[in-house]
C-alpha atoms as a PDB file:
ATOM      1  CA  MET A   1    -161.361  81.246   8.704  1.00  0.00           C
ATOM      2  CA  SER A   2    -158.175  80.681   6.625  1.00  0.00           C
ATOM      3  CA  LEU A   3    -158.175  83.990   4.632  1.00  0.00           C
ATOM      4  CA  ARG A   4    -156.352  86.499   6.739  1.00  0.00           C
ATOM      5  CA  LEU A   5    -154.344  89.708   6.321  1.00  0.00           C
ATOM      6  CA  GLU A   6    -152.109  90.542   9.249  1.00  0.00           C
ATOM      7  CA  TYR A   7    -150.652  94.039   9.971  1.00  0.00           C
ATOM      8  CA  PRO A   8    -148.094  94.865  12.635  1.00  0.00           C
ATOM      9  CA  ASP A   9    -149.877  98.134  13.585  1.00  0.00           C
ATOM     10  CA  LYS A  10    -152.777 100.398  12.549  1.00  0.00           C
ATOM     11  CA  TYR A  11    -150.380 102.592  10.484  1.00  0.00           C
ATOM     12  CA  ARG A  12    -149.581  99.735   8.159  1.00  0.00           C
ATOM     13  CA  LEU A  13    -153.319  98.833   7.889  1.00  0.00           C
ATOM     14  CA  TRP A  14    -154.106 102.437   7.070  1.00  0.00           C
ATOM     15  CA  SER A  15    -151.196 102.837   4.591  1.00  0.00           C
ATOM     16  CA  ASP A  16    -151.550  99.438   2.747  1.00  0.00           C
ATOM     17  CA  LEU A  17    -155.363  98.975   2.663  1.00  0.00           C
ATOM     18  CA  ILE A  18    -157.068 102.356   3.025  1.00  0.00           C
ATOM     19  CA  GLN A  19    -154.667 104.723   1.385  1.00  0.00           C
ATOM     20  CA  GLY A  20    -152.957 102.097  -0.731  1.00  0.00           C
ATOM     21  CA  ASN A  21    -154.135 100.229  -3.881  1.00  0.00           C
ATOM     22  CA  THR A  22    -157.200  98.021  -3.014  1.00  0.00           C
ATOM     23  CA  ASP A  23    -157.958  96.955  -6.580  1.00  0.00           C
ATOM     24  CA  ARG A  24    -155.526  94.022  -6.362  1.00  0.00           C
ATOM     25  CA  VAL A  25    -154.622  92.575  -2.984  1.00  0.00           C
ATOM     26  CA  PHE A  26    -152.875  89.212  -2.845  1.00  0.00           C
ATOM     27  CA  ILE A  27    -153.519  86.732  -0.027  1.00  0.00           C
ATOM     28  CA  ALA A  28    -151.422  83.512   0.079  1.00  0.00           C
ATOM     29  CA  THR A  29    -153.671  80.516   0.517  1.00  0.00           C
ATOM     30  CA  GLU A  30    -154.182  76.943  -0.620  1.00  0.00           C
ATOM     31  CA  GLU A  31    -157.905  77.274  -0.539  1.00  0.00           C
ATOM     32  CA  LEU A  32    -159.719  76.926  -3.821  1.00  0.00           C
ATOM     33  CA  LEU A  33    -161.860  79.857  -4.798  1.00  0.00           C
ATOM     34  CA  ARG A  34    -163.756  80.772  -7.971  1.00  0.00           C
ATOM     35  CA  ILE A  35    -162.908  83.923  -9.874  1.00  0.00           C
ATOM     36  CA  GLY A  36    -165.861  86.234  -9.460  1.00  0.00           C
ATOM     37  CA  SER A  37    -166.913  84.824  -6.097  1.00  0.00           C
ATOM     38  CA  ARG A  38    -166.983  86.828  -2.826  1.00  0.00           C
ATOM     39  CA  ALA A  39    -165.175  85.717   0.320  1.00  0.00           C
ATOM     40  CA  PRO A  40    -164.604  86.923   3.876  1.00  0.00           C
ATOM     41  CA  VAL A  41    -161.100  88.123   4.831  1.00  0.00           C
ATOM     42  CA  GLU A  42    -160.098  88.618   8.493  1.00  0.00           C
ATOM     43  CA  LEU A  43    -157.955  91.640   9.159  1.00  0.00           C
ATOM     44  CA  SER A  44    -155.755  91.359  12.228  1.00  0.00           C
ATOM     45  CA  LEU A  45    -153.626  93.822  14.060  1.00  0.00           C
ATOM     46  CA  HIS A  46    -150.709  92.608  16.133  1.00  0.00           C
ATOM     47  CA  GLY A  47    -151.563  92.759  19.878  1.00  0.00           C
ATOM     48  CA  LEU A  48    -155.184  93.705  19.359  1.00  0.00           C
ATOM     49  CA  PRO A  49    -157.659  90.874  20.376  1.00  0.00           C
ATOM     50  CA  VAL A  50    -160.466  92.216  18.224  1.00  0.00           C
ATOM     51  CA  SER A  51    -160.326  91.524  14.447  1.00  0.00           C
ATOM     52  CA  LEU A  52    -162.380  92.829  11.515  1.00  0.00           C
ATOM     53  CA  VAL A  53    -163.916  90.812   8.722  1.00  0.00           C
ATOM     54  CA  ILE A  54    -164.471  92.340   5.304  1.00  0.00           C
ATOM     55  CA  HIS A  55    -165.651  90.828   2.114  1.00  0.00           C
ATOM     56  CA  GLY A  56    -163.708  90.937  -1.187  1.00  0.00           C
ATOM     57  CA  LEU A  57    -164.249  89.934  -4.782  1.00  0.00           C
ATOM     58  CA  VAL A  58    -161.984  87.220  -6.130  1.00  0.00           C
ATOM     59  CA  ILE A  59    -160.430  88.729  -9.319  1.00  0.00           C
ATOM     60  CA  GLY A  60    -157.587  86.304  -9.862  1.00  0.00           C
ATOM     61  CA  ILE A  61    -155.872  83.143  -8.667  1.00  0.00           C
ATOM     62  CA  ARG A  62    -152.310  81.770  -8.703  1.00  0.00           C
ATOM     63  CA  ARG A  63    -151.199  78.214  -8.283  1.00  0.00           C
ATOM     64  CA  ARG A  64    -148.113  77.304  -6.386  1.00  0.00           C
ATOM     65  CA  SER A  65    -144.803  77.208  -8.284  1.00  0.00           C
ATOM     66  CA  GLU A  66    -141.234  76.717  -7.319  1.00  0.00           C
ATOM     67  CA  ARG A  67    -140.796  80.491  -6.961  1.00  0.00           C
ATOM     68  CA  PHE A  68    -144.098  81.685  -5.755  1.00  0.00           C
ATOM     69  CA  ALA A  69    -146.835  80.672  -3.205  1.00  0.00           C
ATOM     70  CA  ALA A  70    -150.399  79.837  -4.229  1.00  0.00           C
ATOM     71  CA  GLY A  71    -152.876  82.531  -3.508  1.00  0.00           C
ATOM     72  CA  VAL A  72    -155.891  84.656  -4.434  1.00  0.00           C
ATOM     73  CA  TYR A  73    -156.108  88.253  -5.724  1.00  0.00           C
ATOM     74  CA  PHE A  74    -158.922  90.310  -4.168  1.00  0.00           C
ATOM     75  CA  ARG A  75    -160.574  93.577  -4.919  1.00  0.00           C
ATOM     76  CA  PHE A  76    -162.265  95.257  -1.885  1.00  0.00           C
ATOM     77  CA  PRO A  77    -165.200  97.464  -2.730  1.00  0.00           C
ATOM     78  CA  ASP A  78    -165.553 101.009  -1.178  1.00  0.00           C
ATOM     79  CA  GLU A  79    -168.061  99.983   1.335  1.00  0.00           C
ATOM     80  CA  GLU A  80    -165.705  97.332   2.768  1.00  0.00           C
ATOM     81  CA  ILE A  81    -162.805  99.872   2.943  1.00  0.00           C
ATOM     82  CA  ASP A  82    -165.241 102.163   4.801  1.00  0.00           C
ATOM     83  CA  LYS A  83    -165.580  99.449   7.406  1.00  0.00           C
ATOM     84  CA  CYS A  84    -161.791  99.621   7.887  1.00  0.00           C
ATOM     85  CA  ARG A  85    -161.974 103.415   8.190  1.00  0.00           C
ATOM     86  CA  ARG A  86    -164.598 103.049  10.965  1.00  0.00           C
ATOM     87  CA  PHE A  87    -162.544 100.306  12.686  1.00  0.00           C
ATOM     88  CA  LEU A  88    -159.771 102.766  12.973  1.00  0.00           C
ATOM     89  CA  GLY A  89    -162.006 105.616  14.094  1.00  0.00           C
ATOM     90  CA  LEU A  90    -161.830 107.464  10.781  1.00  0.00           C
ATOM     91  CA  SER A  91    -164.718 109.091   8.960  1.00  0.00           C
ATOM     92  CA  GLN A  92    -165.547 108.182   5.478  1.00  0.00           C
ATOM     93  CA  SER A  93    -163.231 109.653   2.933  1.00  0.00           C
ATOM     94  CA  PRO A  94    -164.341 113.210   2.056  1.00  0.00           C
ATOM     95  CA  ASP A  95    -165.406 113.646  -1.638  1.00  0.00           C
ATOM     96  CA  ARG A  96    -165.730 117.429  -1.870  1.00  0.00           C
ATOM     97  CA  TYR A  97    -162.150 118.677  -1.766  1.00  0.00           C
ATOM     98  CA  GLU A  98    -161.496 117.872  -5.398  1.00  0.00           C
ATOM     99  CA  HIS A  99    -163.861 120.791  -6.271  1.00  0.00           C
ATOM    100  CA  GLY A 100    -161.951 123.269  -4.096  1.00  0.00           C
ATOM    101  CA  ARG A 101    -163.359 126.124  -2.068  1.00  0.00           C
ATOM    102  CA  LYS A 102    -163.496 129.534  -3.740  1.00  0.00           C
ATOM    103  CA  ALA A 103    -166.107 131.309  -1.673  1.00  0.00           C
ATOM    104  CA  LYS A 104    -164.582 133.814   0.735  1.00  0.00           C
ATOM    105  CA  ARG A 105    -165.462 133.042   4.305  1.00  0.00           C
ATOM    106  CA  VAL A 106    -164.698 134.725   7.643  1.00  0.00           C
ATOM    107  CA  PRO A 107    -164.779 133.715  11.356  1.00  0.00           C
ATOM    108  CA  CYS A 108    -167.674 135.079  13.145  1.00  0.00           C
ATOM    109  CA  GLU A 109    -170.035 134.736  16.226  1.00  0.00           C
ATOM    110  CA  LEU A 110    -173.385 135.052  14.646  1.00  0.00           C
ATOM    111  CA  LYS A 111    -176.594 133.918  16.367  1.00  0.00           C
ATOM    112  CA  VAL A 112    -178.413 130.932  14.938  1.00  0.00           C
ATOM    113  CA  ALA A 113    -181.766 129.500  16.067  1.00  0.00           C
ATOM    114  CA  LEU A 114    -182.639 125.996  15.020  1.00  0.00           C
ATOM    115  CA  ARG A 115    -186.132 125.500  13.704  1.00  0.00           C
ATOM    116  CA  HIS A 116    -185.832 121.917  12.478  1.00  0.00           C
ATOM    117  CA  PRO A 117    -184.629 120.037  14.353  1.00  0.00           C
ATOM    118  CA  ALA A 118    -186.014 122.410  16.956  1.00  0.00           C
ATOM    119  CA  SER A 119    -183.835 123.224  19.849  1.00  0.00           C
ATOM    120  CA  PRO A 120    -184.498 125.722  22.722  1.00  0.00           C
ATOM    121  CA  GLU A 121    -180.813 126.249  23.130  1.00  0.00           C
ATOM    122  CA  PRO A 122    -179.116 128.776  20.782  1.00  0.00           C
ATOM    123  CA  ALA A 123    -176.625 127.775  18.143  1.00  0.00           C
ATOM    124  CA  LEU A 124    -173.679 129.854  16.769  1.00  0.00           C
ATOM    125  CA  ALA A 125    -172.206 130.315  13.318  1.00  0.00           C
ATOM    126  CA  LYS A 126    -168.433 130.155  13.803  1.00  0.00           C
ATOM    127  CA  ASN A 127    -167.583 131.161  10.195  1.00  0.00           C
ATOM    128  CA  LEU A 128    -169.672 132.498   7.318  1.00  0.00           C
ATOM    129  CA  SER A 129    -169.597 132.451   3.506  1.00  0.00           C
ATOM    130  CA  GLU A 130    -172.124 133.015   0.791  1.00  0.00           C
ATOM    131  CA  ILE A 131    -172.642 129.301   0.532  1.00  0.00           C
ATOM    132  CA  GLY A 132    -172.818 128.123   4.181  1.00  0.00           C
ATOM    133  CA  ILE A 133    -171.630 128.309   7.735  1.00  0.00           C
ATOM    134  CA  LEU A 134    -169.609 126.360  10.290  1.00  0.00           C
ATOM    135  CA  LEU A 135    -172.307 125.632  12.890  1.00  0.00           C
ATOM    136  CA  ALA A 136    -171.656 125.087  16.606  1.00  0.00           C
ATOM    137  CA  SER A 137    -174.824 123.147  17.340  1.00  0.00           C
ATOM    138  CA  PRO A 138    -176.441 122.431  20.768  1.00  0.00           C
ATOM    139  CA  VAL A 139    -177.731 119.148  19.330  1.00  0.00           C
ATOM    140  CA  GLU A 140    -175.929 116.420  17.476  1.00  0.00           C
ATOM    141  CA  LEU A 141    -176.203 116.496  13.768  1.00  0.00           C
ATOM    142  CA  TYR A 142    -175.238 114.045  10.969  1.00  0.00           C
ATOM    143  CA  SER A 143    -174.063 114.307   7.398  1.00  0.00           C
ATOM    144  CA  GLY A 144    -176.850 114.597   4.881  1.00  0.00           C
ATOM    145  CA  GLN A 145    -179.313 115.993   7.391  1.00  0.00           C
ATOM    146  CA  TYR A 146    -181.644 118.820   6.306  1.00  0.00           C
ATOM    147  CA  LEU A 147    -182.028 121.829   8.673  1.00  0.00           C
ATOM    148  CA  GLU A 148    -184.161 124.848   8.879  1.00  0.00           C
ATOM    149  CA  LEU A 149    -182.658 127.713  10.873  1.00  0.00           C
ATOM    150  CA  ASP A 150    -182.745 131.479  11.516  1.00  0.00           C
ATOM    151  CA  LEU A 151    -179.422 133.229  10.908  1.00  0.00           C
ATOM    152  CA  THR A 152    -178.922 136.710  12.313  1.00  0.00           C
ATOM    153  CA  LEU A 153    -176.250 138.793  10.644  1.00  0.00           C
ATOM    154  CA  ASP A 154    -174.028 141.415  12.136  1.00  0.00           C
ATOM    155  CA  ASP A 155    -176.442 144.329  11.198  1.00  0.00           C
ATOM    156  CA  GLY A 156    -179.419 142.549  12.873  1.00  0.00           C
ATOM    157  CA  ALA A 157    -180.941 141.215   9.664  1.00  0.00           C
ATOM    158  CA  CYS A 158    -182.430 137.751  10.206  1.00  0.00           C
ATOM    159  CA  PHE A 159    -183.142 135.220   7.533  1.00  0.00           C
ATOM    160  CA  THR A 160    -184.768 131.730   7.648  1.00  0.00           C
ATOM    161  CA  MET A 161    -182.542 129.369   5.779  1.00  0.00           C
ATOM    162  CA  ARG A 162    -183.038 125.837   4.450  1.00  0.00           C
ATOM    163  CA  CYS A 163    -179.779 123.994   4.688  1.00  0.00           C
ATOM    164  CA  GLU A 164    -177.978 120.647   4.469  1.00  0.00           C
ATOM    165  CA  VAL A 165    -175.309 119.286   6.797  1.00  0.00           C
ATOM    166  CA  THR A 166    -172.293 118.495   4.590  1.00  0.00           C
ATOM    167  CA  ARG A 167    -170.041 117.255   7.342  1.00  0.00           C
ATOM    168  CA  ALA A 168    -170.462 116.620  11.006  1.00  0.00           C
ATOM    169  CA  GLY A 169    -168.137 115.745  13.917  1.00  0.00           C
ATOM    170  CA  THR A 170    -168.654 114.938  17.554  1.00  0.00           C
ATOM    171  CA  ALA A 171    -165.962 117.376  18.670  1.00  0.00           C
ATOM    172  CA  GLN A 172    -167.704 120.459  20.040  1.00  0.00           C
ATOM    173  CA  ARG A 173    -170.669 119.421  17.791  1.00  0.00           C
ATOM    174  CA  LEU A 174    -169.276 121.442  14.908  1.00  0.00           C
ATOM    175  CA  ALA A 175    -170.942 120.916  11.568  1.00  0.00           C
ATOM    176  CA  GLY A 176    -170.422 122.230   8.070  1.00  0.00           C
ATOM    177  CA  VAL A 177    -173.819 123.496   6.703  1.00  0.00           C
ATOM    178  CA  ARG A 178    -174.573 124.424   3.152  1.00  0.00           C
ATOM    179  CA  PHE A 179    -177.430 126.903   2.243  1.00  0.00           C
ATOM    180  CA  LEU A 180    -180.047 125.410  -0.152  1.00  0.00           C
ATOM    181  CA  ASP A 181    -181.023 127.826  -2.913  1.00  0.00           C
ATOM    182  CA  PRO A 182    -181.296 131.064  -0.987  1.00  0.00           C
ATOM    183  CA  PRO A 183    -182.908 133.938  -2.953  1.00  0.00           C
ATOM    184  CA  PRO A 184    -180.630 136.509  -4.573  1.00  0.00           C
ATOM    185  CA  GLU A 185    -181.372 139.209  -1.992  1.00  0.00           C
ATOM    186  CA  VAL A 186    -180.411 136.936   0.846  1.00  0.00           C
ATOM    187  CA  ILE A 187    -177.105 136.052  -0.864  1.00  0.00           C
ATOM    188  CA  ALA A 188    -176.434 139.733  -1.406  1.00  0.00           C
ATOM    189  CA  ALA A 189    -177.036 140.441   2.309  1.00  0.00           C
ATOM    190  CA  ILE A 190    -174.754 137.600   3.403  1.00  0.00           C
ATOM    191  CA  ALA A 191    -172.045 138.717   0.910  1.00  0.00           C
ATOM    192  CA  ALA A 192    -172.192 142.248   2.383  1.00  0.00           C
ATOM    193  CA  CYS A 193    -171.945 140.750   5.900  1.00  0.00           C
ATOM    194  CA  VAL A 194    -168.852 138.782   4.876  1.00  0.00           C
ATOM    195  CA  ASP A 195    -167.219 141.848   3.493  1.00  0.00           C
ATOM    196  CA  ARG A 196    -167.944 143.805   6.661  1.00  0.00           C
ATOM    197  CA  LEU A 197    -166.464 141.106   8.869  1.00  0.00           C
ATOM    198  CA  ALA A 198    -163.512 140.744   6.643  1.00  0.00           C
ATOM    199  CA  GLU A 199    -162.647 144.408   7.044  1.00  0.00           C
ATOM    200  CA  VAL A 200    -162.254 143.983  10.884  1.00  0.00           C
ATOM    201  CA  ARG A 201    -160.576 140.603  10.756  1.00  0.00           C
ATOM    202  CA  PRO A 202    -157.113 140.698  12.275  1.00  0.00           C
ATOM    203  CA  PRO A 203    -154.177 139.498  10.133  1.00  0.00           C
ATOM    204  CA  PRO A 204    -152.889 136.039  11.005  1.00  0.00           C
ATOM    205  CA  HIS A 205    -150.160 135.915  13.622  1.00  0.00           C
ATOM    206  CA  MET A 206    -146.801 135.472  11.991  1.00  0.00           C
ATOM    207  CA  ARG A 207    -145.912 132.606  14.469  1.00  0.00           C
ATOM    208  CA  THR A 208    -149.241 130.797  14.673  1.00  0.00           C
ATOM    209  CA  VAL A 209    -149.047 127.008  14.445  1.00  0.00           C
ATOM    210  CA  VAL A 210    -151.803 124.417  14.418  1.00  0.00           C
ATOM    211  CA  ILE A 211    -150.791 120.936  15.751  1.00  0.00           C
ATOM    212  CA  ALA A 212    -153.002 117.906  15.502  1.00  0.00           C
ATOM    213  CA  ASP A 213    -152.402 114.477  17.022  1.00  0.00           C
ATOM    214  CA  ASP A 214    -154.620 111.953  18.659  1.00  0.00           C
ATOM    215  CA  ASP A 215    -151.867 110.885  21.097  1.00  0.00           C
ATOM    216  CA  PRO A 216    -152.075 113.364  24.011  1.00  0.00           C
ATOM    217  CA  THR A 217    -148.478 112.711  25.073  1.00  0.00           C
ATOM    218  CA  ILE A 218    -147.094 113.597  21.549  1.00  0.00           C
ATOM    219  CA  LEU A 219    -149.535 116.525  21.327  1.00  0.00           C
ATOM    220  CA  GLU A 220    -148.355 117.903  24.653  1.00  0.00           C
ATOM    221  CA  PHE A 221    -144.657 117.475  23.768  1.00  0.00           C
ATOM    222  CA  LEU A 222    -144.957 119.243  20.407  1.00  0.00           C
ATOM    223  CA  SER A 223    -147.118 122.039  21.970  1.00  0.00           C
ATOM    224  CA  LYS A 224    -144.686 122.697  24.903  1.00  0.00           C
ATOM    225  CA  ALA A 225    -141.615 122.505  22.690  1.00  0.00           C
ATOM    226  CA  LEU A 226    -142.940 125.067  20.193  1.00  0.00           C
ATOM    227  CA  THR A 227    -144.478 127.361  22.919  1.00  0.00           C
ATOM    228  CA  ARG A 228    -141.162 127.467  24.625  1.00  0.00           C
ATOM    229  CA  TYR A 229    -139.633 128.928  21.427  1.00  0.00           C
ATOM    230  CA  GLY A 230    -142.274 131.636  21.191  1.00  0.00           C
ATOM    231  CA  TYR A 231    -144.780 130.123  18.871  1.00  0.00           C
ATOM    232  CA  GLU A 232    -148.571 130.617  19.295  1.00  0.00           C
ATOM    233  CA  VAL A 233    -149.814 126.965  19.341  1.00  0.00           C
ATOM    234  CA  HIS A 234    -153.373 125.792  18.824  1.00  0.00           C
ATOM    235  CA  LYS A 235    -153.985 122.109  19.470  1.00  0.00           C
ATOM    236  CA  ALA A 236    -156.490 119.506  18.088  1.00  0.00           C
ATOM    237  CA  ARG A 237    -156.905 115.727  18.633  1.00  0.00           C
ATOM    238  CA  ARG A 238    -159.449 114.940  15.831  1.00  0.00           C
ATOM    239  CA  GLY A 239    -159.145 115.685  12.186  1.00  0.00           C
ATOM    240  CA  GLU A 240    -162.330 117.894  11.918  1.00  0.00           C
ATOM    241  CA  GLU A 241    -161.157 119.956  14.877  1.00  0.00           C
ATOM    242  CA  ALA A 242    -157.817 120.619  13.126  1.00  0.00           C
ATOM    243  CA  LEU A 243    -159.472 121.543   9.796  1.00  0.00           C
ATOM    244  CA  ALA A 244    -161.855 123.952  11.634  1.00  0.00           C
ATOM    245  CA  LEU A 245    -158.929 125.611  13.392  1.00  0.00           C
ATOM    246  CA  VAL A 246    -156.990 125.925  10.140  1.00  0.00           C
ATOM    247  CA  ARG A 247    -159.868 127.545   8.364  1.00  0.00           C
ATOM    248  CA  GLU A 248    -160.594 129.917  11.241  1.00  0.00           C
ATOM    249  CA  LEU A 249    -157.064 130.902  12.120  1.00  0.00           C
ATOM    250  CA  ARG A 250    -155.273 130.746   8.771  1.00  0.00           C
ATOM    251  CA  PRO A 251    -152.035 129.736  10.607  1.00  0.00           C
ATOM    252  CA  LYS A 252    -148.545 130.159   9.183  1.00  0.00           C
ATOM    253  CA  LEU A 253    -147.854 126.351   9.649  1.00  0.00           C
ATOM    254  CA  VAL A 254    -149.807 123.091  10.218  1.00  0.00           C
ATOM    255  CA  ILE A 255    -148.257 120.042  11.864  1.00  0.00           C
ATOM    256  CA  LEU A 256    -150.452 116.883  11.245  1.00  0.00           C
ATOM    257  CA  ASP A 257    -150.487 113.373  12.476  1.00  0.00           C
ATOM    258  CA  ILE A 258    -151.532 111.211   9.573  1.00  0.00           C
ATOM    259  CA  LEU A 259    -153.809 108.754  11.302  1.00  0.00           C
ATOM    260  CA  MET A 260    -156.312 110.557  13.479  1.00  0.00           C
ATOM    261  CA  PRO A 261    -160.025 109.926  14.416  1.00  0.00           C
ATOM    262  CA  GLY A 262    -162.353 111.589  12.013  1.00  0.00           C
ATOM    263  CA  ILE A 263    -160.661 112.961   8.929  1.00  0.00           C
ATOM    264  CA  ASP A 264    -157.174 111.716   8.523  1.00  0.00           C
ATOM    265  CA  GLY A 265    -154.153 113.958   7.928  1.00  0.00           C
ATOM    266  CA  VAL A 266    -153.919 113.078   4.263  1.00  0.00           C
ATOM    267  CA  ASP A 267    -157.485 114.218   3.468  1.00  0.00           C
ATOM    268  CA  ILE A 268    -157.030 117.415   5.587  1.00  0.00           C
ATOM    269  CA  CYS A 269    -153.920 118.314   3.547  1.00  0.00           C
ATOM    270  CA  LYS A 270    -155.764 117.554   0.247  1.00  0.00           C
ATOM    271  CA  MET A 271    -158.655 119.795   1.278  1.00  0.00           C
ATOM    272  CA  MET A 272    -156.206 122.609   2.260  1.00  0.00           C
ATOM    273  CA  ARG A 273    -154.474 122.382  -1.109  1.00  0.00           C
ATOM    274  CA  SER A 274    -157.879 122.785  -2.798  1.00  0.00           C
ATOM    275  CA  ASP A 275    -158.871 125.825  -0.725  1.00  0.00           C
ATOM    276  CA  GLU A 276    -157.739 129.110  -2.116  1.00  0.00           C
ATOM    277  CA  GLU A 277    -157.472 130.797   1.280  1.00  0.00           C
ATOM    278  CA  ILE A 278    -155.210 128.186   2.873  1.00  0.00           C
ATOM    279  CA  ALA A 279    -153.609 126.413  -0.091  1.00  0.00           C
ATOM    280  CA  ASP A 280    -150.226 127.998   0.557  1.00  0.00           C
ATOM    281  CA  VAL A 281    -149.980 127.091   4.227  1.00  0.00           C
ATOM    282  CA  PRO A 282    -147.036 124.739   4.817  1.00  0.00           C
ATOM    283  CA  VAL A 283    -148.060 121.268   6.169  1.00  0.00           C
ATOM    284  CA  ILE A 284    -145.644 119.031   7.967  1.00  0.00           C
ATOM    285  CA  PHE A 285    -146.680 115.387   8.581  1.00  0.00           C
ATOM    286  CA  VAL A 286    -145.521 113.536  11.735  1.00  0.00           C
ATOM    287  CA  SER A 287    -146.150 109.851  11.618  1.00  0.00           C
ATOM    288  CA  ALA A 288    -145.012 106.355  12.658  1.00  0.00           C
ATOM    289  CA  LEU A 289    -145.276 105.102   9.105  1.00  0.00           C
ATOM    290  CA  ASP A 290    -142.104 103.590   7.684  1.00  0.00           C
ATOM    291  CA  PRO A 291    -139.896 106.287   5.971  1.00  0.00           C
ATOM    292  CA  ASP A 292    -140.468 105.119   2.387  1.00  0.00           C
ATOM    293  CA  ARG A 293    -144.321 104.997   2.674  1.00  0.00           C
ATOM    294  CA  LEU A 294    -144.273 108.263   4.637  1.00  0.00           C
ATOM    295  CA  HIS A 295    -142.344 109.971   1.875  1.00  0.00           C
ATOM    296  CA  GLN A 296    -144.838 108.640  -0.700  1.00  0.00           C
ATOM    297  CA  VAL A 297    -147.898 109.582   1.275  1.00  0.00           C
ATOM    298  CA  ALA A 298    -146.581 113.102   1.889  1.00  0.00           C
ATOM    299  CA  ASP A 299    -145.856 113.591  -1.727  1.00  0.00           C
ATOM    300  CA  GLU A 300    -149.221 112.423  -2.899  1.00  0.00           C
ATOM    301  CA  ALA A 301    -151.139 114.497  -0.312  1.00  0.00           C
ATOM    302  CA  GLY A 302    -149.248 117.733  -1.241  1.00  0.00           C
ATOM    303  CA  ALA A 303    -147.509 118.078   2.201  1.00  0.00           C
ATOM    304  CA  SER A 304    -144.558 120.330   2.499  1.00  0.00           C
ATOM    305  CA  ASP A 305    -142.379 118.156   4.627  1.00  0.00           C
ATOM    306  CA  TYR A 306    -142.534 115.259   7.008  1.00  0.00           C
ATOM    307  CA  LEU A 307    -140.965 113.964  10.329  1.00  0.00           C
ATOM    308  CA  PRO A 308    -140.924 110.389  11.500  1.00  0.00           C
ATOM    309  CA  LYS A 309    -141.967 109.419  14.991  1.00  0.00           C
ATOM    310  CA  PRO A 310    -140.475 109.648  17.505  1.00  0.00           C
ATOM    311  CA  VAL A 311    -139.831 113.295  16.696  1.00  0.00           C
ATOM    312  CA  ALA A 312    -136.424 114.779  17.514  1.00  0.00           C
ATOM    313  CA  LEU A 313    -136.788 118.184  19.160  1.00  0.00           C
ATOM    314  CA  ALA A 314    -133.891 119.848  17.325  1.00  0.00           C
ATOM    315  CA  GLU A 315    -135.095 118.636  13.964  1.00  0.00           C
ATOM    316  CA  LEU A 316    -138.619 119.836  14.808  1.00  0.00           C
ATOM    317  CA  ILE A 317    -137.583 123.291  15.804  1.00  0.00           C
ATOM    318  CA  ASN A 318    -135.237 123.686  12.694  1.00  0.00           C
ATOM    319  CA  MET A 319    -137.974 122.587  10.270  1.00  0.00           C
ATOM    320  CA  VAL A 320    -140.644 124.818  11.830  1.00  0.00           C
ATOM    321  CA  GLY A 321    -138.346 127.808  11.826  1.00  0.00           C
ATOM    322  CA  THR A 322    -137.367 127.186   8.237  1.00  0.00           C
ATOM    323  CA  TYR A 323    -140.962 127.157   6.934  1.00  0.00           C
ATOM    324  CA  LEU A 324    -142.110 130.121   9.042  1.00  0.00           C
ATOM    325  CA  LYS A 325    -139.143 132.225   7.725  1.00  0.00           C
ATOM    326  CA  ARG A 326    -140.267 131.404   4.183  1.00  0.00           C
ATOM    327  CA  SER A 327    -143.809 132.650   4.850  1.00  0.00           C
ATOM    328  CA  GLU A 328    -142.589 136.029   6.245  1.00  0.00           C
END
């Protein structure tokens, strides 16, 4: 196969093809292709023996000249870009954060019994709002799945709910679940439960930090460094774990690797900026992206700041201290 895109590492592939502009990608080649035809393109990462083949639509051609090489302009459809996301261990790009989250939700430990799919083991609602729950499930669930469950509120009231799984992750089998057309009296009972739980909810710790990175060495370094300086650190290695922690803890600061399994750091940051409860939480990106691209990505995502890898300890502590002082 002569059509090939080579990347030095996964960060460049993610930056250029997944988060970049996929409407017009140039590949230098002498191969003759027709505009409007589809052709396979091999994606190759330096040092990785396994490659990925995606198909693109030819939208333009350029003949060789004295100044420029001959080549083809491709557009890659969304389903092919999703192949790249899965290749890197990322979930499909979330499509709900643009609408924001305005329903008040609170952390909880409410009993849930799964009717369909049936499970003899109990489930648990980890947070609650009028529109849904974060479900810790004893069985694996998938996005788009329909559920029927019994939800027991803090006052003992139990309601049978029809629901849809809006997002699911393998970590701790946590799943976002949306209620499907509950009757008004059930909505009122859930709203009252949310208010009661909110009254006893402790305020966020002034030095609480959530750190997310899929590299255990970096995660441990960041965690030990901040713990040594008196910060209360909570760790995550996957995107959905990090987002669940942020929503549950409402930390004073979030430190995110950009490229993580599940939801990437950019989408987590965008979802936070569209969520009324956590929109103001400072977000610091740490990434091996080249500095210019890192600056651009952080700006577009709505991050507060960024640090290039390898992270310098003094710079990390100074930056964390600066943003926590601003939130006091």
